[in-house]
Amino acid sequence: MATATNIVQLQAQISTQYPNLSKRLQQVASYVLKNNQSLAFDTIADISVQANVPPSTLIRFAKAFEFSGFNEIKLLFRQDLIEETASYTDRVRLYKTLETNPIPLEKPLPILQEFARVNSEAMNQLATQTPEDQLELAVEILSESENIYIIGLRRSYSTAAYLTYALRHVGRRAFLIDGLGGMFDEQLSMIGANDVVLSISFSPYAKETLSLSEEASKKGAKQIIITDSHVSPLAAYSNVCFVVNEGKVDAFRSQSASLCLVQSMAVALAFHDSKNATSDT
């Protein structure tokens, strides 16, 4: 296995090798796949605590992927953030940010500025790393479906609710599965093989979403998954799986990238339908 030279290669290698790793190394693998920004900004000591492994495990993980140490992996993530920034001035500013301690977040304006910064980075990563063929496939699946069932619980609820709203404005039969009154099963009872289920869930994954995705799979429905890792338990049920790394300020994760992705799919579906309607006339 050749040493990865960018994070796309590294993520692909981790996804391929994941089943063969020890339990401890799988913990590190899951953390690496889900925390791009933390890997660029945090110290090895911080990463060790957050991944719940000793620092020596981080070193073993790095060597398992042909790196001499974990700092080389951190460097890949730093380089990715810098190289994906088009403006040289912004690259210099970002480089300086990576080399200094974060500004204490004590007042509203620094909090706003930090959220704006991490969201900008998350959006840029979404735009540059989302596979074009997967986007086109997702739009095709949505276009051919009879009904679209959307699942997004807890912090994913707002994204799911917006997508339901947007798809209805595109003239689609879209249904938000919210489990009102504990009626998850009843809301999904009419799902069929010509329908699609779009599920949104991030770690820690909502157990109801996992259960509903499994049930939809048994019914033969196609599934589009939006999650935060290639080894997310939802990925096993997907026809299309989008991995979204949201911006995070301390323990507070944003939803901007997820909203951007679903809005893009809804608008792309509208253009797709318009193009097909024109060709039919």
C-alpha atoms as a PDB file:
ATOM      1  CA  MET A   1       0.000   0.000   0.000  1.00  0.00           C
ATOM      2  CA  ALA A   2       1.491   3.320  -1.098  1.00  0.00           C
ATOM      3  CA  THR A   3       1.483   6.171   1.391  1.00  0.00           C
ATOM      4  CA  ALA A   4      -1.435   8.513   0.757  1.00  0.00           C
ATOM      5  CA  THR A   5      -0.489  11.953  -0.509  1.00  0.00           C
ATOM      6  CA  ASN A   6      -3.878  13.611   0.093  1.00  0.00           C
ATOM      7  CA  ILE A   7      -6.888  13.073   2.327  1.00  0.00           C
ATOM      8  CA  VAL A   8      -9.055  11.608  -0.442  1.00  0.00           C
ATOM      9  CA  GLN A   9      -6.537   8.788  -0.910  1.00  0.00           C
ATOM     10  CA  LEU A  10      -6.185   8.344   2.846  1.00  0.00           C
ATOM     11  CA  GLN A  11      -9.954   8.157   3.405  1.00  0.00           C
ATOM     12  CA  ALA A  12     -10.286   5.570   0.637  1.00  0.00           C
ATOM     13  CA  GLN A  13      -7.492   3.461   2.163  1.00  0.00           C
ATOM     14  CA  ILE A  14      -9.055   3.678   5.628  1.00  0.00           C
ATOM     15  CA  SER A  15     -12.477   2.624   4.307  1.00  0.00           C
ATOM     16  CA  THR A  16     -10.930  -0.355   2.481  1.00  0.00           C
ATOM     17  CA  GLN A  17      -8.766  -1.494   5.404  1.00  0.00           C
ATOM     18  CA  TYR A  18     -11.286  -0.755   8.174  1.00  0.00           C
ATOM     19  CA  PRO A  19     -12.570  -4.357   8.613  1.00  0.00           C
ATOM     20  CA  ASN A  20      -8.986  -5.626   8.998  1.00  0.00           C
ATOM     21  CA  LEU A  21      -7.982  -3.156  11.722  1.00  0.00           C
ATOM     22  CA  SER A  22      -7.943  -3.946  15.427  1.00  0.00           C
ATOM     23  CA  LYS A  23     -10.742  -2.532  17.574  1.00  0.00           C
ATOM     24  CA  ARG A  24      -8.470   0.261  18.852  1.00  0.00           C
ATOM     25  CA  LEU A  25      -7.320   1.198  15.367  1.00  0.00           C
ATOM     26  CA  GLN A  26     -10.945   1.167  14.185  1.00  0.00           C
ATOM     27  CA  GLN A  27     -11.667   3.799  16.852  1.00  0.00           C
ATOM     28  CA  VAL A  28      -8.949   5.983  15.366  1.00  0.00           C
ATOM     29  CA  ALA A  29     -10.159   5.263  11.824  1.00  0.00           C
ATOM     30  CA  SER A  30     -13.696   6.377  12.673  1.00  0.00           C
ATOM     31  CA  TYR A  31     -12.372   9.548  14.281  1.00  0.00           C
ATOM     32  CA  VAL A  32     -10.119  10.353  11.300  1.00  0.00           C
ATOM     33  CA  LEU A  33     -12.972   9.875   8.819  1.00  0.00           C
ATOM     34  CA  LYS A  34     -15.337  12.120  10.775  1.00  0.00           C
ATOM     35  CA  ASN A  35     -13.157  14.960  12.055  1.00  0.00           C
ATOM     36  CA  ASN A  36     -11.237  16.646   9.246  1.00  0.00           C
ATOM     37  CA  GLN A  37     -11.006  20.014  10.941  1.00  0.00           C
ATOM     38  CA  SER A  38     -10.019  18.620  14.347  1.00  0.00           C
ATOM     39  CA  LEU A  39      -7.168  16.730  12.716  1.00  0.00           C
ATOM     40  CA  ALA A  40      -5.891  19.930  11.147  1.00  0.00           C
ATOM     41  CA  PHE A  41      -6.233  22.126  14.222  1.00  0.00           C
ATOM     42  CA  ASP A  42      -5.976  19.979  17.369  1.00  0.00           C
ATOM     43  CA  THR A  43      -2.852  18.678  19.058  1.00  0.00           C
ATOM     44  CA  ILE A  44      -2.093  14.975  19.186  1.00  0.00           C
ATOM     45  CA  ALA A  45      -2.873  15.043  22.916  1.00  0.00           C
ATOM     46  CA  ASP A  46      -6.319  16.526  22.198  1.00  0.00           C
ATOM     47  CA  ILE A  47      -7.002  14.008  19.415  1.00  0.00           C
ATOM     48  CA  SER A  48      -5.966  11.170  21.723  1.00  0.00           C
ATOM     49  CA  VAL A  49      -8.524  12.282  24.318  1.00  0.00           C
ATOM     50  CA  GLN A  50     -11.314  12.860  21.788  1.00  0.00           C
ATOM     51  CA  ALA A  51     -10.727   9.517  20.050  1.00  0.00           C
ATOM     52  CA  ASN A  52     -10.492   7.820  23.471  1.00  0.00           C
ATOM     53  CA  VAL A  53      -7.211   6.074  22.702  1.00  0.00           C
ATOM     54  CA  PRO A  54      -3.660   6.470  24.077  1.00  0.00           C
ATOM     55  CA  PRO A  55      -1.179   8.490  21.965  1.00  0.00           C
ATOM     56  CA  SER A  56       0.719   5.286  21.164  1.00  0.00           C
ATOM     57  CA  THR A  57      -2.362   3.995  19.300  1.00  0.00           C
ATOM     58  CA  LEU A  58      -2.273   7.058  17.061  1.00  0.00           C
ATOM     59  CA  ILE A  59       1.325   6.201  16.188  1.00  0.00           C
ATOM     60  CA  ARG A  60       0.387   2.568  15.455  1.00  0.00           C
ATOM     61  CA  PHE A  61      -2.460   3.777  13.267  1.00  0.00           C
ATOM     62  CA  ALA A  62      -0.144   6.045  11.293  1.00  0.00           C
ATOM     63  CA  LYS A  63       2.361   3.228  10.752  1.00  0.00           C
ATOM     64  CA  ALA A  64      -0.443   0.904   9.599  1.00  0.00           C
ATOM     65  CA  PHE A  65      -0.914   3.316   6.686  1.00  0.00           C
ATOM     66  CA  GLU A  66       2.808   3.672   5.977  1.00  0.00           C
ATOM     67  CA  PHE A  67       3.364   6.995   7.794  1.00  0.00           C
ATOM     68  CA  SER A  68       6.266   7.442  10.188  1.00  0.00           C
ATOM     69  CA  GLY A  69       4.084   9.258  12.720  1.00  0.00           C
ATOM     70  CA  PHE A  70       0.640  10.764  13.263  1.00  0.00           C
ATOM     71  CA  ASN A  71       1.902  14.289  12.607  1.00  0.00           C
ATOM     72  CA  GLU A  72       2.264  13.311   8.940  1.00  0.00           C
ATOM     73  CA  ILE A  73      -1.461  12.523   8.842  1.00  0.00           C
ATOM     74  CA  LYS A  74      -2.243  15.831  10.517  1.00  0.00           C
ATOM     75  CA  LEU A  75      -0.129  17.541   7.855  1.00  0.00           C
ATOM     76  CA  LEU A  76      -2.303  16.063   5.079  1.00  0.00           C
ATOM     77  CA  PHE A  77      -5.388  17.632   6.620  1.00  0.00           C
ATOM     78  CA  ARG A  78      -3.638  20.965   7.118  1.00  0.00           C
ATOM     79  CA  GLN A  79      -2.430  20.969   3.527  1.00  0.00           C
ATOM     80  CA  ASP A  80      -5.922  20.161   2.274  1.00  0.00           C
ATOM     81  CA  LEU A  81      -7.439  23.148   4.074  1.00  0.00           C
ATOM     82  CA  ILE A  82      -4.756  25.464   2.752  1.00  0.00           C
ATOM     83  CA  GLU A  83      -4.650  24.157  -0.829  1.00  0.00           C
ATOM     84  CA  GLU A  84      -8.426  24.260  -1.259  1.00  0.00           C
ATOM     85  CA  THR A  85      -8.385  27.988  -0.464  1.00  0.00           C
ATOM     86  CA  ALA A  86      -8.112  29.767  -3.814  1.00  0.00           C
ATOM     87  CA  SER A  87      -6.848  33.162  -2.620  1.00  0.00           C
ATOM     88  CA  TYR A  88      -3.156  33.285  -1.704  1.00  0.00           C
ATOM     89  CA  THR A  89      -3.964  35.928   0.927  1.00  0.00           C
ATOM     90  CA  ASP A  90      -6.507  33.573   2.485  1.00  0.00           C
ATOM     91  CA  ARG A  91      -4.008  30.728   2.363  1.00  0.00           C
ATOM     92  CA  VAL A  92      -1.504  32.782   4.339  1.00  0.00           C
ATOM     93  CA  ARG A  93      -4.189  33.738   6.837  1.00  0.00           C
ATOM     94  CA  LEU A  94      -5.290  30.130   7.223  1.00  0.00           C
ATOM     95  CA  TYR A  95      -1.697  28.959   7.623  1.00  0.00           C
ATOM     96  CA  LYS A  96      -1.195  31.472  10.429  1.00  0.00           C
ATOM     97  CA  THR A  97      -4.415  30.289  12.059  1.00  0.00           C
ATOM     98  CA  LEU A  98      -3.208  26.702  11.993  1.00  0.00           C
ATOM     99  CA  GLU A  99       0.006  27.705  13.713  1.00  0.00           C
ATOM    100  CA  THR A 100      -1.599  29.626  16.575  1.00  0.00           C
ATOM    101  CA  ASN A 101      -4.002  28.827  19.419  1.00  0.00           C
ATOM    102  CA  PRO A 102      -7.699  29.501  18.792  1.00  0.00           C
ATOM    103  CA  ILE A 103      -9.071  32.842  19.973  1.00  0.00           C
ATOM    104  CA  PRO A 104     -11.064  32.474  23.230  1.00  0.00           C
ATOM    105  CA  LEU A 105     -14.773  32.528  22.462  1.00  0.00           C
ATOM    106  CA  GLU A 106     -16.205  34.801  25.123  1.00  0.00           C
ATOM    107  CA  LYS A 107     -18.309  37.323  23.186  1.00  0.00           C
ATOM    108  CA  PRO A 108     -20.939  37.024  20.411  1.00  0.00           C
ATOM    109  CA  LEU A 109     -18.801  38.453  17.613  1.00  0.00           C
ATOM    110  CA  PRO A 110     -15.856  36.012  18.007  1.00  0.00           C
ATOM    111  CA  ILE A 111     -18.381  33.165  18.152  1.00  0.00           C
ATOM    112  CA  LEU A 112     -20.015  34.388  14.939  1.00  0.00           C
ATOM    113  CA  GLN A 113     -16.625  34.790  13.284  1.00  0.00           C
ATOM    114  CA  GLU A 114     -15.547  31.280  14.304  1.00  0.00           C
ATOM    115  CA  PHE A 115     -18.755  29.717  13.010  1.00  0.00           C
ATOM    116  CA  ALA A 116     -18.389  31.661   9.763  1.00  0.00           C
ATOM    117  CA  ARG A 117     -14.804  30.445   9.398  1.00  0.00           C
ATOM    118  CA  VAL A 118     -15.494  26.746  10.028  1.00  0.00           C
ATOM    119  CA  ASN A 119     -18.622  26.841   7.859  1.00  0.00           C
ATOM    120  CA  SER A 120     -16.663  28.390   5.013  1.00  0.00           C
ATOM    121  CA  GLU A 121     -14.123  25.575   5.224  1.00  0.00           C
ATOM    122  CA  ALA A 122     -16.864  22.927   5.416  1.00  0.00           C
ATOM    123  CA  MET A 123     -18.634  24.403   2.378  1.00  0.00           C
ATOM    124  CA  ASN A 124     -15.420  24.477   0.379  1.00  0.00           C
ATOM    125  CA  GLN A 125     -14.724  20.859   1.236  1.00  0.00           C
ATOM    126  CA  LEU A 126     -18.289  19.891   0.289  1.00  0.00           C
ATOM    127  CA  ALA A 127     -17.949  21.583  -3.099  1.00  0.00           C
ATOM    128  CA  THR A 128     -14.548  20.102  -3.943  1.00  0.00           C
ATOM    129  CA  GLN A 129     -14.890  16.565  -2.574  1.00  0.00           C
ATOM    130  CA  THR A 130     -18.494  15.567  -3.347  1.00  0.00           C
ATOM    131  CA  PRO A 131     -18.355  13.139  -6.318  1.00  0.00           C
ATOM    132  CA  GLU A 132     -20.201  14.495  -9.360  1.00  0.00           C
ATOM    133  CA  ASP A 133     -21.423  11.052 -10.426  1.00  0.00           C
ATOM    134  CA  GLN A 134     -22.998  10.474  -7.015  1.00  0.00           C
ATOM    135  CA  LEU A 135     -24.854  13.784  -7.185  1.00  0.00           C
ATOM    136  CA  GLU A 136     -26.180  12.933 -10.635  1.00  0.00           C
ATOM    137  CA  LEU A 137     -27.225   9.470  -9.489  1.00  0.00           C
ATOM    138  CA  ALA A 138     -29.045  10.908  -6.469  1.00  0.00           C
ATOM    139  CA  VAL A 139     -30.991  13.341  -8.667  1.00  0.00           C
ATOM    140  CA  GLU A 140     -31.870  10.490 -11.061  1.00  0.00           C
ATOM    141  CA  ILE A 141     -33.118   8.333  -8.180  1.00  0.00           C
ATOM    142  CA  LEU A 142     -35.235  11.199  -6.826  1.00  0.00           C
ATOM    143  CA  SER A 143     -36.613  11.896 -10.293  1.00  0.00           C
ATOM    144  CA  GLU A 144     -37.705   8.286 -10.873  1.00  0.00           C
ATOM    145  CA  SER A 145     -39.261   7.727  -7.430  1.00  0.00           C
ATOM    146  CA  GLU A 146     -43.003   7.664  -6.798  1.00  0.00           C
ATOM    147  CA  ASN A 147     -42.669   8.881  -3.204  1.00  0.00           C
ATOM    148  CA  ILE A 148     -39.783  10.356  -1.247  1.00  0.00           C
ATOM    149  CA  TYR A 149     -39.591   9.601   2.470  1.00  0.00           C
ATOM    150  CA  ILE A 150     -37.209  11.834   4.443  1.00  0.00           C
ATOM    151  CA  ILE A 151     -35.772  10.865   7.824  1.00  0.00           C
ATOM    152  CA  GLY A 152     -33.814  13.296   9.967  1.00  0.00           C
ATOM    153  CA  LEU A 153     -34.084  13.252  13.747  1.00  0.00           C
ATOM    154  CA  ARG A 154     -32.657  15.390  16.533  1.00  0.00           C
ATOM    155  CA  ARG A 155     -30.157  17.880  15.092  1.00  0.00           C
ATOM    156  CA  SER A 156     -30.791  16.589  11.560  1.00  0.00           C
ATOM    157  CA  TYR A 157     -34.488  17.439  11.799  1.00  0.00           C
ATOM    158  CA  SER A 158     -34.187  20.981  10.460  1.00  0.00           C
ATOM    159  CA  THR A 159     -32.322  19.764   7.356  1.00  0.00           C
ATOM    160  CA  ALA A 160     -34.917  17.038   6.751  1.00  0.00           C
ATOM    161  CA  ALA A 161     -37.791  19.497   7.239  1.00  0.00           C
ATOM    162  CA  TYR A 162     -36.275  21.950   4.774  1.00  0.00           C
ATOM    163  CA  LEU A 163     -35.726  19.231   2.166  1.00  0.00           C
ATOM    164  CA  THR A 164     -39.363  18.132   2.491  1.00  0.00           C
ATOM    165  CA  TYR A 165     -40.434  21.740   1.920  1.00  0.00           C
ATOM    166  CA  ALA A 166     -38.102  22.152  -1.069  1.00  0.00           C
ATOM    167  CA  LEU A 167     -39.111  18.889  -2.761  1.00  0.00           C
ATOM    168  CA  ARG A 168     -42.787  19.745  -2.492  1.00  0.00           C
ATOM    169  CA  HIS A 169     -42.036  23.002  -4.275  1.00  0.00           C
ATOM    170  CA  VAL A 170     -40.528  20.879  -7.044  1.00  0.00           C
ATOM    171  CA  GLY A 171     -43.827  19.025  -7.285  1.00  0.00           C
ATOM    172  CA  ARG A 172     -42.651  15.844  -5.559  1.00  0.00           C
ATOM    173  CA  ARG A 173     -44.585  13.602  -3.179  1.00  0.00           C
ATOM    174  CA  ALA A 174     -42.253  14.149  -0.213  1.00  0.00           C
ATOM    175  CA  PHE A 175     -43.073  12.927   3.293  1.00  0.00           C
ATOM    176  CA  LEU A 176     -41.203  13.839   6.467  1.00  0.00           C
ATOM    177  CA  ILE A 177     -40.865  10.857   8.816  1.00  0.00           C
ATOM    178  CA  ASP A 178     -40.864  12.511  12.244  1.00  0.00           C
ATOM    179  CA  GLY A 179     -42.414   9.772  14.375  1.00  0.00           C
ATOM    180  CA  LEU A 180     -45.093  12.091  15.748  1.00  0.00           C
ATOM    181  CA  GLY A 181     -46.968  10.153  18.408  1.00  0.00           C
ATOM    182  CA  GLY A 182     -44.455   7.330  18.128  1.00  0.00           C
ATOM    183  CA  MET A 183     -45.828   6.406  14.696  1.00  0.00           C
ATOM    184  CA  PHE A 184     -42.575   5.662  12.863  1.00  0.00           C
ATOM    185  CA  ASP A 185     -43.776   2.285  11.632  1.00  0.00           C
ATOM    186  CA  GLU A 186     -47.123   3.646  10.491  1.00  0.00           C
ATOM    187  CA  GLN A 187     -45.496   6.500   8.577  1.00  0.00           C
ATOM    188  CA  LEU A 188     -43.319   4.044   6.668  1.00  0.00           C
ATOM    189  CA  SER A 189     -45.970   1.351   6.259  1.00  0.00           C
ATOM    190  CA  MET A 190     -46.837   2.308   2.667  1.00  0.00           C
ATOM    191  CA  ILE A 191     -43.283   2.440   1.376  1.00  0.00           C
ATOM    192  CA  GLY A 192     -42.651   0.379  -1.762  1.00  0.00           C
ATOM    193  CA  ALA A 193     -39.901  -0.654  -4.131  1.00  0.00           C
ATOM    194  CA  ASN A 194     -40.554   2.364  -6.384  1.00  0.00           C
ATOM    195  CA  ASP A 195     -39.974   4.808  -3.530  1.00  0.00           C
ATOM    196  CA  VAL A 196     -36.804   6.352  -2.131  1.00  0.00           C
ATOM    197  CA  VAL A 197     -35.815   6.961   1.475  1.00  0.00           C
ATOM    198  CA  LEU A 198     -33.404   9.811   2.169  1.00  0.00           C
ATOM    199  CA  SER A 199     -31.897   9.565   5.655  1.00  0.00           C
ATOM    200  CA  ILE A 200     -29.768  12.159   7.438  1.00  0.00           C
ATOM    201  CA  SER A 201     -27.858  11.195  10.567  1.00  0.00           C
ATOM    202  CA  PHE A 202     -24.548  12.063  12.198  1.00  0.00           C
ATOM    203  CA  SER A 203     -22.617  10.558  15.092  1.00  0.00           C
ATOM    204  CA  PRO A 204     -24.000   9.624  17.557  1.00  0.00           C
ATOM    205  CA  TYR A 205     -26.438   8.116  15.062  1.00  0.00           C
ATOM    206  CA  ALA A 206     -30.125   8.160  15.982  1.00  0.00           C
ATOM    207  CA  LYS A 207     -31.132   4.554  16.610  1.00  0.00           C
ATOM    208  CA  GLU A 208     -34.561   5.221  15.107  1.00  0.00           C
ATOM    209  CA  THR A 209     -32.955   6.341  11.834  1.00  0.00           C
ATOM    210  CA  LEU A 210     -30.848   3.171  11.706  1.00  0.00           C
ATOM    211  CA  SER A 211     -33.897   1.014  12.366  1.00  0.00           C
ATOM    212  CA  LEU A 212     -36.001   2.794   9.726  1.00  0.00           C
ATOM    213  CA  SER A 213     -33.229   2.536   7.130  1.00  0.00           C
ATOM    214  CA  GLU A 214     -32.959  -1.184   7.778  1.00  0.00           C
ATOM    215  CA  GLU A 215     -36.722  -1.558   7.374  1.00  0.00           C
ATOM    216  CA  ALA A 216     -36.708   0.443   4.136  1.00  0.00           C
ATOM    217  CA  SER A 217     -33.963  -1.831   2.824  1.00  0.00           C
ATOM    218  CA  LYS A 218     -36.147  -4.894   3.476  1.00  0.00           C
ATOM    219  CA  LYS A 219     -38.949  -3.273   1.483  1.00  0.00           C
ATOM    220  CA  GLY A 220     -36.655  -2.789  -1.510  1.00  0.00           C
ATOM    221  CA  ALA A 221     -36.719   1.006  -1.536  1.00  0.00           C
ATOM    222  CA  LYS A 222     -33.687   2.862  -2.836  1.00  0.00           C
ATOM    223  CA  GLN A 223     -31.829   4.914  -0.253  1.00  0.00           C
ATOM    224  CA  ILE A 224     -29.845   8.131  -0.270  1.00  0.00           C
ATOM    225  CA  ILE A 225     -27.799   8.638   2.886  1.00  0.00           C
ATOM    226  CA  ILE A 226     -26.275  11.843   4.243  1.00  0.00           C
ATOM    227  CA  THR A 227     -23.896  11.095   7.088  1.00  0.00           C
ATOM    228  CA  ASP A 228     -20.446  11.939   8.461  1.00  0.00           C
ATOM    229  CA  SER A 229     -18.299   8.898   7.732  1.00  0.00           C
ATOM    230  CA  HIS A 230     -17.654   6.221   5.127  1.00  0.00           C
ATOM    231  CA  VAL A 231     -17.999   3.679   7.950  1.00  0.00           C
ATOM    232  CA  SER A 232     -21.278   5.080   9.263  1.00  0.00           C
ATOM    233  CA  PRO A 233     -23.724   2.228   9.998  1.00  0.00           C
ATOM    234  CA  LEU A 234     -26.154   3.876   7.570  1.00  0.00           C
ATOM    235  CA  ALA A 235     -23.764   3.531   4.636  1.00  0.00           C
ATOM    236  CA  ALA A 236     -24.515  -0.199   4.340  1.00  0.00           C
ATOM    237  CA  TYR A 237     -28.087   0.573   3.254  1.00  0.00           C
ATOM    238  CA  SER A 238     -27.259   3.233   0.683  1.00  0.00           C
ATOM    239  CA  ASN A 239     -27.510   3.399  -3.071  1.00  0.00           C
ATOM    240  CA  VAL A 240     -25.848   6.796  -2.738  1.00  0.00           C
ATOM    241  CA  CYS A 241     -23.941   7.920   0.350  1.00  0.00           C
ATOM    242  CA  PHE A 242     -22.816  11.514   0.870  1.00  0.00           C
ATOM    243  CA  VAL A 243     -20.230  12.130   3.579  1.00  0.00           C
ATOM    244  CA  VAL A 244     -20.551  15.645   4.982  1.00  0.00           C
ATOM    245  CA  ASN A 245     -18.044  17.075   7.448  1.00  0.00           C
ATOM    246  CA  GLU A 246     -19.806  19.937   9.174  1.00  0.00           C
ATOM    247  CA  GLY A 247     -18.013  22.883  10.737  1.00  0.00           C
ATOM    248  CA  LYS A 248     -17.692  22.637  14.507  1.00  0.00           C
ATOM    249  CA  VAL A 249     -17.009  25.225  17.196  1.00  0.00           C
ATOM    250  CA  ASP A 250     -16.087  23.436  20.406  1.00  0.00           C
ATOM    251  CA  ALA A 251     -18.987  21.008  21.033  1.00  0.00           C
ATOM    252  CA  PHE A 252     -21.395  22.810  18.699  1.00  0.00           C
ATOM    253  CA  ARG A 253     -21.702  21.455  15.166  1.00  0.00           C
ATOM    254  CA  SER A 254     -23.169  23.487  12.364  1.00  0.00           C
ATOM    255  CA  GLN A 255     -25.687  22.316   9.757  1.00  0.00           C
ATOM    256  CA  SER A 256     -24.748  24.654   6.925  1.00  0.00           C
ATOM    257  CA  ALA A 257     -23.065  22.081   4.666  1.00  0.00           C
ATOM    258  CA  SER A 258     -25.933  19.590   5.003  1.00  0.00           C
ATOM    259  CA  LEU A 259     -28.473  22.284   4.146  1.00  0.00           C
ATOM    260  CA  CYS A 260     -26.365  23.353   1.172  1.00  0.00           C
ATOM    261  CA  LEU A 261     -26.220  19.763  -0.110  1.00  0.00           C
ATOM    262  CA  VAL A 262     -29.965  19.085   0.119  1.00  0.00           C
ATOM    263  CA  GLN A 263     -30.828  22.475  -1.371  1.00  0.00           C
ATOM    264  CA  SER A 264     -28.488  21.753  -4.273  1.00  0.00           C
ATOM    265  CA  MET A 265     -30.152  18.386  -4.888  1.00  0.00           C
ATOM    266  CA  ALA A 266     -33.645  19.913  -4.841  1.00  0.00           C
ATOM    267  CA  VAL A 267     -32.680  22.682  -7.274  1.00  0.00           C
ATOM    268  CA  ALA A 268     -30.823  20.194  -9.507  1.00  0.00           C
ATOM    269  CA  LEU A 269     -33.979  18.052  -9.543  1.00  0.00           C
ATOM    270  CA  ALA A 270     -36.008  21.067 -10.674  1.00  0.00           C
ATOM    271  CA  PHE A 271     -33.600  21.676 -13.575  1.00  0.00           C
ATOM    272  CA  HIS A 272     -33.622  17.949 -14.397  1.00  0.00           C
ATOM    273  CA  ASP A 273     -37.426  17.893 -14.580  1.00  0.00           C
ATOM    274  CA  SER A 274     -37.520  21.081 -16.628  1.00  0.00           C
ATOM    275  CA  LYS A 275     -35.041  19.648 -19.127  1.00  0.00           C
ATOM    276  CA  ASN A 276     -37.052  16.432 -19.468  1.00  0.00           C
ATOM    277  CA  ALA A 277     -40.305  18.370 -19.913  1.00  0.00           C
ATOM    278  CA  THR A 278     -38.699  20.433 -22.705  1.00  0.00           C
ATOM    279  CA  SER A 279     -37.451  17.316 -24.500  1.00  0.00           C
ATOM    280  CA  ASP A 280     -40.926  15.733 -24.341  1.00  0.00           C
ATOM    281  CA  THR A 281     -42.604  18.678 -26.109  1.00  0.00           C
END
